[in-house]
Amino acid sequence: MAGFRTAAGTADARDLRIAIVASHFNEVIVNKLLDGALETLLRMGAERPDISVTWVPGAWELPLAAQAIAKVGRCDAIVALGAVIRGGTPHFDYICSECAAGLARVSLDFSLPVAFGVLTCDSDEQAAARADSDGENKGSEAAIAAVEMTQALRRLDS
């Protein structure tokens, strides 16, 4: 992009305060997502005291917790982690849709990066693959997205 002014985020989490909101529902999977997010943030330079973790009952509650954290104003980004696995009823569709919409609303209302690390899978096997520490851990990817968006927004503001 030579000759153009660009604003892109970097993978530098030094001096960033990151809030993680995690769902207890499907906690075995979510713990793997959380491990991936924490390891990635530390590898990117975040300090342990600058990372907070708040647990909520399920994916439905993630947006409200994210909103409460955003209102306090003590974080630079939020990483939402959860796992919703399709069952035999439309409940899955409602939870996934409203969780995503609620987190997007928090991000836009507060001009704050809210990374979507919520798995929406058809099976336990799909969820396990997306939370795998040896493969593509979506918690790790959400942490990277949160940091890069925070840095990109800072460049846009300057």
N, C-alpha and C. Protein backbone atom coordinates (compact mmCIF):
# COMPACT_ATOMS: atom_id res chain seq x y z
N MET A 1 0.83 -1.18 0.00
CA MET A 1 0.00 0.00 0.00
C MET A 1 0.88 1.25 0.00
N ALA A 2 1.95 1.19 -0.72
CA ALA A 2 2.88 2.31 -0.78
C ALA A 2 2.17 3.56 -1.27
N GLY A 3 2.44 4.66 -0.60
CA GLY A 3 1.88 5.94 -0.99
C GLY A 3 0.53 6.25 -0.36
N PHE A 4 -0.07 5.28 0.31
CA PHE A 4 -1.36 5.51 0.95
C PHE A 4 -1.18 5.55 2.46
N ARG A 5 -1.96 6.36 3.10
CA ARG A 5 -1.97 6.38 4.56
C ARG A 5 -2.82 5.21 5.02
N THR A 6 -2.27 4.35 5.86
CA THR A 6 -3.01 3.19 6.31
C THR A 6 -3.07 3.16 7.83
N ALA A 7 -4.10 2.52 8.33
CA ALA A 7 -4.24 2.28 9.76
C ALA A 7 -4.53 0.81 9.93
N ALA A 8 -3.59 0.11 10.52
CA ALA A 8 -3.75 -1.33 10.75
C ALA A 8 -3.32 -1.64 12.16
N GLY A 9 -3.95 -2.63 12.74
CA GLY A 9 -3.59 -3.03 14.08
C GLY A 9 -2.36 -3.90 14.09
N THR A 10 -1.67 -3.89 15.20
CA THR A 10 -0.51 -4.74 15.38
C THR A 10 -0.81 -5.75 16.48
N ALA A 11 -0.01 -6.77 16.54
CA ALA A 11 -0.19 -7.81 17.56
C ALA A 11 0.63 -7.48 18.80
N ASP A 12 0.45 -6.28 19.31
CA ASP A 12 1.20 -5.81 20.48
C ASP A 12 0.21 -5.52 21.60
N ALA A 13 0.21 -6.38 22.62
CA ALA A 13 -0.73 -6.22 23.73
C ALA A 13 -0.09 -5.54 24.94
N ARG A 14 1.14 -5.05 24.78
CA ARG A 14 1.77 -4.35 25.91
C ARG A 14 0.93 -3.14 26.29
N ASP A 15 0.77 -2.95 27.58
CA ASP A 15 0.04 -1.81 28.14
C ASP A 15 -1.46 -1.80 27.80
N LEU A 16 -1.99 -2.92 27.31
CA LEU A 16 -3.43 -3.00 27.07
C LEU A 16 -4.10 -3.70 28.23
N ARG A 17 -5.30 -3.23 28.55
CA ARG A 17 -6.12 -3.87 29.57
C ARG A 17 -7.22 -4.64 28.83
N ILE A 18 -7.19 -5.95 28.98
CA ILE A 18 -8.12 -6.80 28.25
C ILE A 18 -9.04 -7.50 29.24
N ALA A 19 -10.34 -7.39 28.99
CA ALA A 19 -11.34 -8.09 29.80
C ALA A 19 -11.84 -9.28 28.99
N ILE A 20 -11.86 -10.43 29.63
CA ILE A 20 -12.41 -11.63 29.01
C ILE A 20 -13.69 -11.98 29.74
N VAL A 21 -14.73 -12.26 28.97
CA VAL A 21 -16.01 -12.72 29.52
C VAL A 21 -16.21 -14.14 29.00
N ALA A 22 -16.37 -15.09 29.90
CA ALA A 22 -16.45 -16.49 29.52
C ALA A 22 -17.72 -17.14 30.07
N SER A 23 -18.26 -18.04 29.29
CA SER A 23 -19.50 -18.73 29.64
C SER A 23 -19.21 -20.06 30.33
N HIS A 24 -19.91 -20.32 31.44
CA HIS A 24 -19.80 -21.61 32.13
C HIS A 24 -20.42 -22.74 31.32
N PHE A 25 -21.43 -22.44 30.51
CA PHE A 25 -22.09 -23.49 29.74
C PHE A 25 -21.10 -24.05 28.73
N ASN A 26 -21.01 -25.37 28.64
CA ASN A 26 -19.99 -26.04 27.82
C ASN A 26 -18.59 -25.65 28.30
N GLU A 27 -18.43 -25.66 29.61
CA GLU A 27 -17.22 -25.13 30.24
C GLU A 27 -15.94 -25.87 29.85
N VAL A 28 -16.02 -27.14 29.56
CA VAL A 28 -14.81 -27.87 29.15
C VAL A 28 -14.24 -27.25 27.87
N ILE A 29 -15.11 -26.95 26.93
CA ILE A 29 -14.69 -26.30 25.67
C ILE A 29 -14.24 -24.88 25.95
N VAL A 30 -15.02 -24.13 26.73
CA VAL A 30 -14.71 -22.73 26.99
C VAL A 30 -13.38 -22.60 27.73
N ASN A 31 -13.07 -23.51 28.62
CA ASN A 31 -11.77 -23.47 29.29
C ASN A 31 -10.62 -23.57 28.30
N LYS A 32 -10.79 -24.37 27.26
CA LYS A 32 -9.75 -24.48 26.23
C LYS A 32 -9.65 -23.17 25.43
N LEU A 33 -10.79 -22.56 25.16
CA LEU A 33 -10.78 -21.25 24.48
C LEU A 33 -10.08 -20.22 25.36
N LEU A 34 -10.40 -20.25 26.64
CA LEU A 34 -9.79 -19.31 27.59
C LEU A 34 -8.28 -19.52 27.66
N ASP A 35 -7.86 -20.77 27.75
CA ASP A 35 -6.41 -21.05 27.77
C ASP A 35 -5.74 -20.47 26.52
N GLY A 36 -6.37 -20.68 25.36
CA GLY A 36 -5.81 -20.14 24.12
C GLY A 36 -5.73 -18.63 24.13
N ALA A 37 -6.78 -17.98 24.61
CA ALA A 37 -6.80 -16.52 24.67
C ALA A 37 -5.73 -16.00 25.63
N LEU A 38 -5.64 -16.59 26.81
CA LEU A 38 -4.66 -16.12 27.80
C LEU A 38 -3.23 -16.33 27.30
N GLU A 39 -2.94 -17.50 26.78
CA GLU A 39 -1.60 -17.76 26.27
C GLU A 39 -1.23 -16.78 25.16
N THR A 40 -2.16 -16.51 24.29
CA THR A 40 -1.91 -15.59 23.18
C THR A 40 -1.68 -14.17 23.68
N LEU A 41 -2.50 -13.70 24.60
CA LEU A 41 -2.34 -12.34 25.13
C LEU A 41 -0.98 -12.19 25.81
N LEU A 42 -0.59 -13.19 26.59
CA LEU A 42 0.71 -13.12 27.26
C LEU A 42 1.85 -13.15 26.24
N ARG A 43 1.72 -13.97 25.22
CA ARG A 43 2.74 -14.04 24.17
C ARG A 43 2.83 -12.71 23.42
N MET A 44 1.73 -11.97 23.34
CA MET A 44 1.70 -10.68 22.64
C MET A 44 2.15 -9.54 23.54
N GLY A 45 2.54 -9.84 24.77
CA GLY A 45 3.09 -8.81 25.64
C GLY A 45 2.18 -8.31 26.74
N ALA A 46 0.98 -8.82 26.85
CA ALA A 46 0.09 -8.40 27.94
C ALA A 46 0.65 -8.88 29.27
N GLU A 47 0.36 -8.13 30.31
CA GLU A 47 0.78 -8.50 31.66
C GLU A 47 -0.42 -9.11 32.38
N ARG A 48 -0.17 -10.12 33.21
CA ARG A 48 -1.26 -10.81 33.92
C ARG A 48 -2.19 -9.85 34.67
N PRO A 49 -1.67 -8.83 35.38
CA PRO A 49 -2.59 -7.94 36.10
C PRO A 49 -3.50 -7.11 35.19
N ASP A 50 -3.16 -7.04 33.90
CA ASP A 50 -3.96 -6.26 32.96
C ASP A 50 -5.02 -7.10 32.24
N ILE A 51 -5.14 -8.36 32.65
CA ILE A 51 -6.14 -9.25 32.06
C ILE A 51 -7.11 -9.66 33.16
N SER A 52 -8.41 -9.45 32.92
CA SER A 52 -9.42 -9.89 33.87
C SER A 52 -10.31 -10.93 33.20
N VAL A 53 -10.83 -11.84 34.00
CA VAL A 53 -11.75 -12.87 33.50
C VAL A 53 -13.02 -12.83 34.34
N THR A 54 -14.15 -12.69 33.67
CA THR A 54 -15.45 -12.70 34.32
C THR A 54 -16.24 -13.88 33.76
N TRP A 55 -16.76 -14.70 34.65
CA TRP A 55 -17.56 -15.86 34.24
C TRP A 55 -19.05 -15.54 34.34
N VAL A 56 -19.80 -15.99 33.35
CA VAL A 56 -21.25 -15.85 33.33
C VAL A 56 -21.87 -17.21 33.06
N PRO A 57 -23.18 -17.39 33.33
CA PRO A 57 -23.78 -18.72 33.17
C PRO A 57 -23.72 -19.28 31.75
N GLY A 58 -24.05 -18.46 30.75
CA GLY A 58 -24.10 -18.98 29.39
C GLY A 58 -23.89 -17.89 28.37
N ALA A 59 -24.00 -18.25 27.10
CA ALA A 59 -23.78 -17.30 26.01
C ALA A 59 -24.80 -16.17 26.03
N TRP A 60 -26.00 -16.44 26.48
CA TRP A 60 -27.04 -15.42 26.54
C TRP A 60 -26.61 -14.25 27.41
N GLU A 61 -25.85 -14.53 28.47
CA GLU A 61 -25.44 -13.51 29.43
C GLU A 61 -24.17 -12.76 29.03
N LEU A 62 -23.47 -13.21 28.01
CA LEU A 62 -22.23 -12.56 27.60
C LEU A 62 -22.40 -11.08 27.25
N PRO A 63 -23.43 -10.70 26.46
CA PRO A 63 -23.57 -9.28 26.12
C PRO A 63 -23.80 -8.37 27.33
N LEU A 64 -24.60 -8.81 28.29
CA LEU A 64 -24.85 -7.97 29.46
C LEU A 64 -23.58 -7.78 30.28
N ALA A 65 -22.81 -8.85 30.45
CA ALA A 65 -21.55 -8.73 31.18
C ALA A 65 -20.59 -7.82 30.42
N ALA A 66 -20.52 -7.98 29.10
CA ALA A 66 -19.65 -7.12 28.29
C ALA A 66 -20.07 -5.65 28.42
N GLN A 67 -21.36 -5.42 28.41
CA GLN A 67 -21.87 -4.05 28.56
C GLN A 67 -21.48 -3.46 29.92
N ALA A 68 -21.63 -4.24 30.98
CA ALA A 68 -21.27 -3.76 32.32
C ALA A 68 -19.78 -3.44 32.40
N ILE A 69 -18.96 -4.27 31.80
CA ILE A 69 -17.52 -4.03 31.78
C ILE A 69 -17.21 -2.77 30.98
N ALA A 70 -17.83 -2.63 29.84
CA ALA A 70 -17.60 -1.46 28.99
C ALA A 70 -18.00 -0.17 29.70
N LYS A 71 -19.10 -0.20 30.43
CA LYS A 71 -19.57 0.99 31.16
C LYS A 71 -18.54 1.48 32.17
N VAL A 72 -17.86 0.55 32.83
CA VAL A 72 -16.86 0.92 33.83
C VAL A 72 -15.70 1.65 33.17
N GLY A 73 -15.37 1.26 31.94
CA GLY A 73 -14.36 1.98 31.17
C GLY A 73 -12.93 1.70 31.56
N ARG A 74 -12.66 0.56 32.15
CA ARG A 74 -11.29 0.25 32.57
C ARG A 74 -10.61 -0.78 31.70
N CYS A 75 -11.13 -1.00 30.50
CA CYS A 75 -10.46 -1.95 29.61
C CYS A 75 -10.37 -1.36 28.21
N ASP A 76 -9.42 -1.86 27.46
CA ASP A 76 -9.22 -1.42 26.09
C ASP A 76 -9.95 -2.30 25.09
N ALA A 77 -10.26 -3.51 25.49
CA ALA A 77 -10.97 -4.45 24.62
C ALA A 77 -11.57 -5.55 25.46
N ILE A 78 -12.58 -6.20 24.89
CA ILE A 78 -13.25 -7.33 25.55
C ILE A 78 -13.18 -8.53 24.61
N VAL A 79 -12.91 -9.68 25.18
CA VAL A 79 -12.94 -10.93 24.44
C VAL A 79 -14.06 -11.77 25.03
N ALA A 80 -15.06 -12.09 24.22
CA ALA A 80 -16.19 -12.91 24.66
C ALA A 80 -15.95 -14.35 24.22
N LEU A 81 -16.03 -15.28 25.17
CA LEU A 81 -15.78 -16.70 24.89
C LEU A 81 -16.97 -17.54 25.33
N GLY A 82 -17.40 -18.42 24.46
CA GLY A 82 -18.50 -19.32 24.77
C GLY A 82 -18.59 -20.42 23.74
N ALA A 83 -19.49 -21.35 23.98
CA ALA A 83 -19.71 -22.45 23.03
C ALA A 83 -21.19 -22.82 23.06
N VAL A 84 -21.82 -22.69 21.91
CA VAL A 84 -23.22 -23.08 21.76
C VAL A 84 -23.25 -24.20 20.73
N ILE A 85 -23.80 -25.33 21.13
CA ILE A 85 -23.82 -26.50 20.26
C ILE A 85 -25.26 -26.83 19.91
N ARG A 86 -25.50 -26.98 18.62
CA ARG A 86 -26.86 -27.19 18.11
C ARG A 86 -27.51 -28.42 18.75
N GLY A 87 -28.74 -28.23 19.13
CA GLY A 87 -29.54 -29.35 19.64
C GLY A 87 -30.69 -29.61 18.68
N GLY A 88 -31.74 -30.19 19.19
CA GLY A 88 -32.86 -30.55 18.34
C GLY A 88 -33.96 -29.51 18.27
N THR A 89 -33.74 -28.34 18.87
CA THR A 89 -34.77 -27.29 18.88
C THR A 89 -34.19 -25.99 18.32
N PRO A 90 -35.03 -25.03 18.03
CA PRO A 90 -34.55 -23.73 17.52
C PRO A 90 -33.84 -22.88 18.57
N HIS A 91 -33.78 -23.35 19.80
CA HIS A 91 -33.13 -22.59 20.88
C HIS A 91 -31.73 -22.13 20.46
N PHE A 92 -30.98 -23.00 19.82
CA PHE A 92 -29.62 -22.71 19.34
C PHE A 92 -29.60 -21.43 18.50
N ASP A 93 -30.53 -21.33 17.56
CA ASP A 93 -30.56 -20.18 16.65
C ASP A 93 -30.80 -18.87 17.39
N TYR A 94 -31.71 -18.91 18.35
CA TYR A 94 -32.01 -17.70 19.11
C TYR A 94 -30.82 -17.27 19.96
N ILE A 95 -30.20 -18.22 20.64
CA ILE A 95 -29.07 -17.89 21.51
C ILE A 95 -27.90 -17.33 20.69
N CYS A 96 -27.56 -18.01 19.61
CA CYS A 96 -26.43 -17.56 18.77
C CYS A 96 -26.68 -16.18 18.19
N SER A 97 -27.86 -16.00 17.65
CA SER A 97 -28.20 -14.73 17.01
C SER A 97 -28.18 -13.57 18.00
N GLU A 98 -28.83 -13.75 19.12
CA GLU A 98 -28.92 -12.65 20.09
C GLU A 98 -27.59 -12.40 20.80
N CYS A 99 -26.81 -13.44 21.01
CA CYS A 99 -25.47 -13.25 21.61
C CYS A 99 -24.62 -12.41 20.67
N ALA A 100 -24.59 -12.77 19.39
CA ALA A 100 -23.80 -12.03 18.42
C ALA A 100 -24.28 -10.59 18.30
N ALA A 101 -25.58 -10.40 18.21
CA ALA A 101 -26.14 -9.05 18.08
C ALA A 101 -25.84 -8.21 19.32
N GLY A 102 -25.98 -8.82 20.49
CA GLY A 102 -25.72 -8.09 21.73
C GLY A 102 -24.27 -7.67 21.87
N LEU A 103 -23.36 -8.56 21.52
CA LEU A 103 -21.94 -8.21 21.60
C LEU A 103 -21.57 -7.14 20.58
N ALA A 104 -22.15 -7.23 19.39
CA ALA A 104 -21.91 -6.19 18.37
C ALA A 104 -22.43 -4.84 18.86
N ARG A 105 -23.58 -4.85 19.50
CA ARG A 105 -24.15 -3.60 20.02
C ARG A 105 -23.25 -2.97 21.07
N VAL A 106 -22.71 -3.79 21.97
CA VAL A 106 -21.79 -3.27 22.98
C VAL A 106 -20.58 -2.64 22.30
N SER A 107 -20.03 -3.31 21.32
CA SER A 107 -18.87 -2.80 20.61
C SER A 107 -19.17 -1.44 19.98
N LEU A 108 -20.30 -1.34 19.29
CA LEU A 108 -20.66 -0.09 18.62
C LEU A 108 -21.07 1.00 19.60
N ASP A 109 -21.85 0.65 20.62
CA ASP A 109 -22.30 1.65 21.59
C ASP A 109 -21.15 2.28 22.37
N PHE A 110 -20.10 1.50 22.62
CA PHE A 110 -19.00 1.98 23.43
C PHE A 110 -17.73 2.24 22.62
N SER A 111 -17.79 2.08 21.30
CA SER A 111 -16.61 2.22 20.44
C SER A 111 -15.44 1.44 21.02
N LEU A 112 -15.71 0.20 21.34
CA LEU A 112 -14.76 -0.66 22.03
C LEU A 112 -14.68 -2.00 21.30
N PRO A 113 -13.49 -2.48 21.00
CA PRO A 113 -13.40 -3.80 20.38
C PRO A 113 -13.98 -4.87 21.30
N VAL A 114 -14.91 -5.63 20.77
CA VAL A 114 -15.46 -6.79 21.47
C VAL A 114 -15.28 -7.97 20.52
N ALA A 115 -14.32 -8.81 20.81
CA ALA A 115 -14.00 -9.93 19.93
C ALA A 115 -14.96 -11.09 20.19
N PHE A 116 -15.43 -11.69 19.11
CA PHE A 116 -16.43 -12.76 19.18
C PHE A 116 -15.73 -14.12 19.15
N GLY A 117 -15.48 -14.65 20.32
CA GLY A 117 -14.88 -15.97 20.45
C GLY A 117 -15.91 -16.97 20.92
N VAL A 118 -17.11 -16.87 20.38
CA VAL A 118 -18.20 -17.76 20.76
C VAL A 118 -18.38 -18.79 19.65
N LEU A 119 -18.14 -20.04 19.97
CA LEU A 119 -18.32 -21.11 18.99
C LEU A 119 -19.81 -21.36 18.78
N THR A 120 -20.20 -21.54 17.55
CA THR A 120 -21.58 -21.90 17.21
C THR A 120 -21.48 -23.13 16.31
N CYS A 121 -21.55 -24.29 16.92
CA CYS A 121 -21.22 -25.54 16.22
C CYS A 121 -22.40 -26.49 16.15
N ASP A 122 -22.33 -27.39 15.18
CA ASP A 122 -23.35 -28.41 15.02
C ASP A 122 -23.12 -29.62 15.90
N SER A 123 -21.89 -29.81 16.40
CA SER A 123 -21.60 -31.00 17.20
C SER A 123 -20.50 -30.72 18.22
N ASP A 124 -20.42 -31.63 19.19
CA ASP A 124 -19.35 -31.55 20.17
C ASP A 124 -17.98 -31.67 19.50
N GLU A 125 -17.90 -32.50 18.46
CA GLU A 125 -16.65 -32.71 17.76
C GLU A 125 -16.17 -31.43 17.07
N GLN A 126 -17.10 -30.71 16.45
CA GLN A 126 -16.74 -29.44 15.82
C GLN A 126 -16.23 -28.45 16.87
N ALA A 127 -16.91 -28.38 18.00
CA ALA A 127 -16.50 -27.46 19.06
C ALA A 127 -15.11 -27.82 19.57
N ALA A 128 -14.87 -29.11 19.79
CA ALA A 128 -13.57 -29.55 20.29
C ALA A 128 -12.46 -29.19 19.31
N ALA A 129 -12.72 -29.35 18.02
CA ALA A 129 -11.71 -29.02 17.01
C ALA A 129 -11.39 -27.53 17.00
N ARG A 130 -12.38 -26.68 17.26
CA ARG A 130 -12.17 -25.24 17.24
C ARG A 130 -11.56 -24.70 18.54
N ALA A 131 -11.52 -25.56 19.55
CA ALA A 131 -10.92 -25.17 20.83
C ALA A 131 -9.59 -25.89 21.05
N ASP A 132 -9.15 -26.64 20.09
CA ASP A 132 -7.94 -27.46 20.19
C ASP A 132 -6.70 -26.59 20.35
N SER A 133 -5.85 -26.98 21.27
CA SER A 133 -4.61 -26.22 21.48
C SER A 133 -3.58 -26.50 20.39
N ASP A 134 -3.77 -27.59 19.65
CA ASP A 134 -2.82 -27.93 18.59
C ASP A 134 -3.26 -27.40 17.23
N GLY A 135 -4.48 -26.91 17.15
CA GLY A 135 -4.99 -26.46 15.85
C GLY A 135 -5.41 -25.01 15.91
N GLU A 136 -6.54 -24.74 15.36
CA GLU A 136 -7.04 -23.37 15.31
C GLU A 136 -7.90 -23.10 16.55
N ASN A 137 -7.30 -22.55 17.56
CA ASN A 137 -8.03 -22.23 18.78
C ASN A 137 -8.71 -20.88 18.59
N LYS A 138 -10.03 -20.90 18.59
CA LYS A 138 -10.79 -19.67 18.33
C LYS A 138 -10.68 -18.67 19.48
N GLY A 139 -10.33 -19.12 20.67
CA GLY A 139 -10.07 -18.19 21.77
C GLY A 139 -8.81 -17.38 21.49
N SER A 140 -7.81 -18.05 20.98
CA SER A 140 -6.57 -17.38 20.59
C SER A 140 -6.85 -16.38 19.47
N GLU A 141 -7.62 -16.81 18.47
CA GLU A 141 -7.94 -15.91 17.36
C GLU A 141 -8.73 -14.69 17.83
N ALA A 142 -9.64 -14.88 18.77
CA ALA A 142 -10.41 -13.74 19.29
C ALA A 142 -9.50 -12.77 20.04
N ALA A 143 -8.54 -13.29 20.79
CA ALA A 143 -7.59 -12.42 21.51
C ALA A 143 -6.77 -11.60 20.53
N ILE A 144 -6.32 -12.23 19.46
CA ILE A 144 -5.55 -11.50 18.44
C ILE A 144 -6.41 -10.41 17.82
N ALA A 145 -7.66 -10.74 17.49
CA ALA A 145 -8.56 -9.75 16.90
C ALA A 145 -8.79 -8.57 17.83
N ALA A 146 -8.96 -8.84 19.12
CA ALA A 146 -9.18 -7.76 20.09
C ALA A 146 -7.99 -6.82 20.15
N VAL A 147 -6.79 -7.37 20.19
CA VAL A 147 -5.59 -6.55 20.26
C VAL A 147 -5.39 -5.76 18.97
N GLU A 148 -5.53 -6.43 17.84
CA GLU A 148 -5.33 -5.73 16.56
C GLU A 148 -6.37 -4.62 16.36
N MET A 149 -7.61 -4.86 16.75
CA MET A 149 -8.63 -3.80 16.63
C MET A 149 -8.33 -2.63 17.55
N THR A 150 -7.88 -2.94 18.76
CA THR A 150 -7.54 -1.86 19.69
C THR A 150 -6.43 -0.99 19.11
N GLN A 151 -5.42 -1.62 18.58
CA GLN A 151 -4.30 -0.87 18.00
C GLN A 151 -4.74 -0.11 16.75
N ALA A 152 -5.57 -0.71 15.93
CA ALA A 152 -6.07 -0.02 14.72
C ALA A 152 -6.89 1.21 15.10
N LEU A 153 -7.77 1.07 16.10
CA LEU A 153 -8.58 2.21 16.52
C LEU A 153 -7.72 3.33 17.10
N ARG A 154 -6.68 2.96 17.80
CA ARG A 154 -5.76 3.98 18.32
C ARG A 154 -5.09 4.75 17.18
N ARG A 155 -4.74 4.07 16.13
CA ARG A 155 -4.13 4.74 14.98
C ARG A 155 -5.13 5.66 14.29
N LEU A 156 -6.37 5.22 14.21
CA LEU A 156 -7.41 6.05 13.61
C LEU A 156 -7.69 7.30 14.43
N ASP A 157 -7.58 7.16 15.75
CA ASP A 157 -7.83 8.30 16.64
C ASP A 157 -6.71 9.32 16.62
N SER A 158 -5.50 8.90 16.21
CA SER A 158 -4.37 9.83 16.27
C SER A 158 -4.19 10.58 14.97
